[in-house]
Amino acid sequence: MRFPPRSTRIGALVALTSALLIGGAATVPANAAPAAVGNVCYSALPSQAHDTLDLIESSGPFPFPQDGTVFQNREGILPDQDTGYYHEYTVITPGSDDRGARRIVTGEEQQEDYYTADHYESFRLVNYSC
């Protein structure tokens, strides 16, 4: 089973809570996920996302040649990392004639998986413990 890193989310939460309670500016760690990144329980993902995560875990084979390519994070929604840190994979959309909008983006940290259903407009970190 895959488990996402929690340290960056906890650090950001502590910094924000401290700023709100004490007053002053919030200092969020540089590697903390931006506010646009939410969480999603693994059990709440569509079954096709489970299939994609299983393929990632077993290193494929993947249904599209783009799967496993470097995700550039041009939108700047995910935490800033060096080029090559993130990779993207297609989550099949039933009834779609193309790759659709759903993706899993993985980070190099163990079990750092993000789900997007809207082609990179928003991301949710997969929580494997719920």
C-alpha atoms as a PDB file:
ATOM      1  CA  MET A   1       0.000   0.000   0.000  1.00  0.00           C
ATOM      2  CA  ARG A   2       1.218   3.498  -0.797  1.00  0.00           C
ATOM      3  CA  PHE A   3       1.464   6.213   1.865  1.00  0.00           C
ATOM      4  CA  PRO A   4       1.920   9.928   1.043  1.00  0.00           C
ATOM      5  CA  PRO A   5       4.384  12.159   2.869  1.00  0.00           C
ATOM      6  CA  ARG A   6       2.701  14.134   5.613  1.00  0.00           C
ATOM      7  CA  SER A   7       5.557  16.312   6.865  1.00  0.00           C
ATOM      8  CA  THR A   8       5.113  19.132   4.338  1.00  0.00           C
ATOM      9  CA  ARG A   9       1.363  19.366   4.897  1.00  0.00           C
ATOM     10  CA  ILE A  10       1.778  19.366   8.676  1.00  0.00           C
ATOM     11  CA  GLY A  11       4.518  22.019   8.500  1.00  0.00           C
ATOM     12  CA  ALA A  12       2.339  24.310   6.416  1.00  0.00           C
ATOM     13  CA  LEU A  13      -0.633  23.800   8.737  1.00  0.00           C
ATOM     14  CA  VAL A  14       1.439  24.597  11.840  1.00  0.00           C
ATOM     15  CA  ALA A  15       2.828  27.773  10.245  1.00  0.00           C
ATOM     16  CA  LEU A  16      -0.608  28.975   9.186  1.00  0.00           C
ATOM     17  CA  THR A  17      -2.208  28.143  12.544  1.00  0.00           C
ATOM     18  CA  SER A  18       0.572  29.939  14.418  1.00  0.00           C
ATOM     19  CA  ALA A  19       0.182  33.039  12.274  1.00  0.00           C
ATOM     20  CA  LEU A  20      -3.572  33.099  12.795  1.00  0.00           C
ATOM     21  CA  LEU A  21      -3.360  32.612  16.564  1.00  0.00           C
ATOM     22  CA  ILE A  22      -0.368  34.835  17.266  1.00  0.00           C
ATOM     23  CA  GLY A  23      -0.725  37.339  14.456  1.00  0.00           C
ATOM     24  CA  GLY A  24       1.802  38.333  11.851  1.00  0.00           C
ATOM     25  CA  ALA A  25       2.874  36.782   8.604  1.00  0.00           C
ATOM     26  CA  ALA A  26       2.655  33.088   7.965  1.00  0.00           C
ATOM     27  CA  THR A  27       5.905  31.470   6.928  1.00  0.00           C
ATOM     28  CA  VAL A  28       5.220  28.308   4.988  1.00  0.00           C
ATOM     29  CA  PRO A  29       8.068  25.895   4.189  1.00  0.00           C
ATOM     30  CA  ALA A  30       9.312  26.166   0.595  1.00  0.00           C
ATOM     31  CA  ASN A  31       8.439  22.552  -0.153  1.00  0.00           C
ATOM     32  CA  ALA A  32       4.906  22.773   1.264  1.00  0.00           C
ATOM     33  CA  ALA A  33       2.033  22.159  -1.117  1.00  0.00           C
ATOM     34  CA  PRO A  34       0.193  25.331  -2.187  1.00  0.00           C
ATOM     35  CA  ALA A  35      -3.352  25.893  -0.949  1.00  0.00           C
ATOM     36  CA  ALA A  36      -4.701  24.792  -4.354  1.00  0.00           C
ATOM     37  CA  VAL A  37      -3.621  21.234  -3.566  1.00  0.00           C
ATOM     38  CA  GLY A  38      -6.252  19.390  -1.587  1.00  0.00           C
ATOM     39  CA  ASN A  39      -6.509  15.804  -0.419  1.00  0.00           C
ATOM     40  CA  VAL A  40      -8.560  12.874  -1.615  1.00  0.00           C
ATOM     41  CA  CYS A  41      -9.026   9.496   0.020  1.00  0.00           C
ATOM     42  CA  TYR A  42      -7.755   6.616  -2.058  1.00  0.00           C
ATOM     43  CA  SER A  43     -11.147   4.956  -1.615  1.00  0.00           C
ATOM     44  CA  ALA A  44     -12.874   8.018  -3.157  1.00  0.00           C
ATOM     45  CA  LEU A  45     -10.881   7.869  -6.395  1.00  0.00           C
ATOM     46  CA  PRO A  46     -12.551   6.434  -9.492  1.00  0.00           C
ATOM     47  CA  SER A  47     -11.702   2.793 -10.171  1.00  0.00           C
ATOM     48  CA  GLN A  48      -9.703   3.835 -13.236  1.00  0.00           C
ATOM     49  CA  ALA A  49      -7.365   5.837 -10.964  1.00  0.00           C
ATOM     50  CA  HIS A  50      -6.823   2.685  -8.895  1.00  0.00           C
ATOM     51  CA  ASP A  51      -5.942   0.881 -12.140  1.00  0.00           C
ATOM     52  CA  THR A  52      -3.439   3.605 -13.061  1.00  0.00           C
ATOM     53  CA  LEU A  53      -1.830   3.533  -9.600  1.00  0.00           C
ATOM     54  CA  ASP A  54      -1.513  -0.252  -9.879  1.00  0.00           C
ATOM     55  CA  LEU A  55       0.198   0.141 -13.281  1.00  0.00           C
ATOM     56  CA  ILE A  56       2.587   2.731 -11.817  1.00  0.00           C
ATOM     57  CA  GLU A  57       3.405   0.395  -8.940  1.00  0.00           C
ATOM     58  CA  SER A  58       4.202  -2.443 -11.386  1.00  0.00           C
ATOM     59  CA  SER A  59       6.005  -0.150 -13.912  1.00  0.00           C
ATOM     60  CA  GLY A  60       3.411  -0.655 -16.663  1.00  0.00           C
ATOM     61  CA  PRO A  61       2.673  -1.441 -19.389  1.00  0.00           C
ATOM     62  CA  PHE A  62       0.884   1.859 -19.889  1.00  0.00           C
ATOM     63  CA  PRO A  63      -1.919   2.507 -22.393  1.00  0.00           C
ATOM     64  CA  PHE A  64      -0.500   5.759 -23.830  1.00  0.00           C
ATOM     65  CA  PRO A  65       3.023   6.678 -24.957  1.00  0.00           C
ATOM     66  CA  GLN A  66       2.826   9.903 -22.908  1.00  0.00           C
ATOM     67  CA  ASP A  67       2.439   7.937 -19.669  1.00  0.00           C
ATOM     68  CA  GLY A  68       5.517   8.249 -17.490  1.00  0.00           C
ATOM     69  CA  THR A  69       6.775  11.404 -19.162  1.00  0.00           C
ATOM     70  CA  VAL A  70       8.058  14.341 -17.146  1.00  0.00           C
ATOM     71  CA  PHE A  71       5.353  16.665 -15.850  1.00  0.00           C
ATOM     72  CA  GLN A  72       6.664  20.241 -16.024  1.00  0.00           C
ATOM     73  CA  ASN A  73       4.340  21.804 -13.394  1.00  0.00           C
ATOM     74  CA  ARG A  74       3.958  24.864 -15.644  1.00  0.00           C
ATOM     75  CA  GLU A  75       0.772  25.777 -13.792  1.00  0.00           C
ATOM     76  CA  GLY A  76       2.811  26.109 -10.592  1.00  0.00           C
ATOM     77  CA  ILE A  77       0.144  24.399  -8.501  1.00  0.00           C
ATOM     78  CA  LEU A  78       2.298  21.566  -7.181  1.00  0.00           C
ATOM     79  CA  PRO A  79       5.243  22.338  -4.872  1.00  0.00           C
ATOM     80  CA  ASP A  80       8.265  23.706  -6.758  1.00  0.00           C
ATOM     81  CA  GLN A  81      10.749  20.985  -7.626  1.00  0.00           C
ATOM     82  CA  ASP A  82      13.533  20.458 -10.144  1.00  0.00           C
ATOM     83  CA  THR A  83      12.580  19.395 -13.666  1.00  0.00           C
ATOM     84  CA  GLY A  84      12.139  15.647 -13.780  1.00  0.00           C
ATOM     85  CA  TYR A  85      10.756  15.370 -10.248  1.00  0.00           C
ATOM     86  CA  TYR A  86       7.145  14.835 -11.388  1.00  0.00           C
ATOM     87  CA  HIS A  87       5.807  12.317 -13.929  1.00  0.00           C
ATOM     88  CA  GLU A  88       2.302  12.047 -15.350  1.00  0.00           C
ATOM     89  CA  TYR A  89       0.051   9.108 -16.132  1.00  0.00           C
ATOM     90  CA  THR A  90      -3.331   8.882 -17.821  1.00  0.00           C
ATOM     91  CA  VAL A  91      -6.415   7.880 -15.858  1.00  0.00           C
ATOM     92  CA  ILE A  92      -8.759   6.350 -18.425  1.00  0.00           C
ATOM     93  CA  THR A  93     -12.027   8.233 -18.856  1.00  0.00           C
ATOM     94  CA  PRO A  94     -14.824   5.866 -19.966  1.00  0.00           C
ATOM     95  CA  GLY A  95     -16.464   7.067 -23.183  1.00  0.00           C
ATOM     96  CA  SER A  96     -13.653   9.471 -24.081  1.00  0.00           C
ATOM     97  CA  ASP A  97     -12.155   9.258 -27.577  1.00  0.00           C
ATOM     98  CA  ASP A  98      -8.812  10.588 -26.325  1.00  0.00           C
ATOM     99  CA  ARG A  99      -6.783  10.587 -23.102  1.00  0.00           C
ATOM    100  CA  GLY A 100      -9.396  12.714 -21.361  1.00  0.00           C
ATOM    101  CA  ALA A 101      -8.605  15.160 -18.545  1.00  0.00           C
ATOM    102  CA  ARG A 102      -7.847  12.814 -15.667  1.00  0.00           C
ATOM    103  CA  ARG A 103      -4.258  12.179 -14.583  1.00  0.00           C
ATOM    104  CA  ILE A 104      -2.105  10.889 -11.772  1.00  0.00           C
ATOM    105  CA  VAL A 105       1.054  12.945 -11.258  1.00  0.00           C
ATOM    106  CA  THR A 106       3.722  11.313  -9.134  1.00  0.00           C
ATOM    107  CA  GLY A 107       6.585  12.919  -7.272  1.00  0.00           C
ATOM    108  CA  GLU A 108       9.914  11.331  -6.421  1.00  0.00           C
ATOM    109  CA  GLU A 109       9.044  11.161  -2.723  1.00  0.00           C
ATOM    110  CA  GLN A 110       7.773   7.719  -1.831  1.00  0.00           C
ATOM    111  CA  GLN A 111       4.027   7.548  -2.362  1.00  0.00           C
ATOM    112  CA  GLU A 112       3.629  11.171  -3.466  1.00  0.00           C
ATOM    113  CA  ASP A 113       0.684  10.830  -5.849  1.00  0.00           C
ATOM    114  CA  TYR A 114      -1.586  13.645  -7.000  1.00  0.00           C
ATOM    115  CA  TYR A 115      -4.913  13.205  -8.807  1.00  0.00           C
ATOM    116  CA  THR A 116      -6.405  15.739 -11.196  1.00  0.00           C
ATOM    117  CA  ALA A 117      -9.780  15.325 -12.864  1.00  0.00           C
ATOM    118  CA  ASP A 118      -9.612  18.670 -14.681  1.00  0.00           C
ATOM    119  CA  HIS A 119      -6.362  18.509 -16.666  1.00  0.00           C
ATOM    120  CA  TYR A 120      -4.084  20.282 -14.186  1.00  0.00           C
ATOM    121  CA  GLU A 121      -6.508  22.998 -13.024  1.00  0.00           C
ATOM    122  CA  SER A 122      -6.390  21.493  -9.522  1.00  0.00           C
ATOM    123  CA  PHE A 123      -4.656  18.637  -7.761  1.00  0.00           C
ATOM    124  CA  ARG A 124      -5.460  16.476  -4.760  1.00  0.00           C
ATOM    125  CA  LEU A 125      -2.837  14.501  -2.880  1.00  0.00           C
ATOM    126  CA  VAL A 126      -3.931  10.877  -2.564  1.00  0.00           C
ATOM    127  CA  ASN A 127      -4.372   9.853   1.058  1.00  0.00           C
ATOM    128  CA  TYR A 128      -3.967   6.090   1.376  1.00  0.00           C
ATOM    129  CA  SER A 129      -4.984   5.902   5.021  1.00  0.00           C
ATOM    130  CA  CYS A 130      -8.683   6.680   4.567  1.00  0.00           C
END
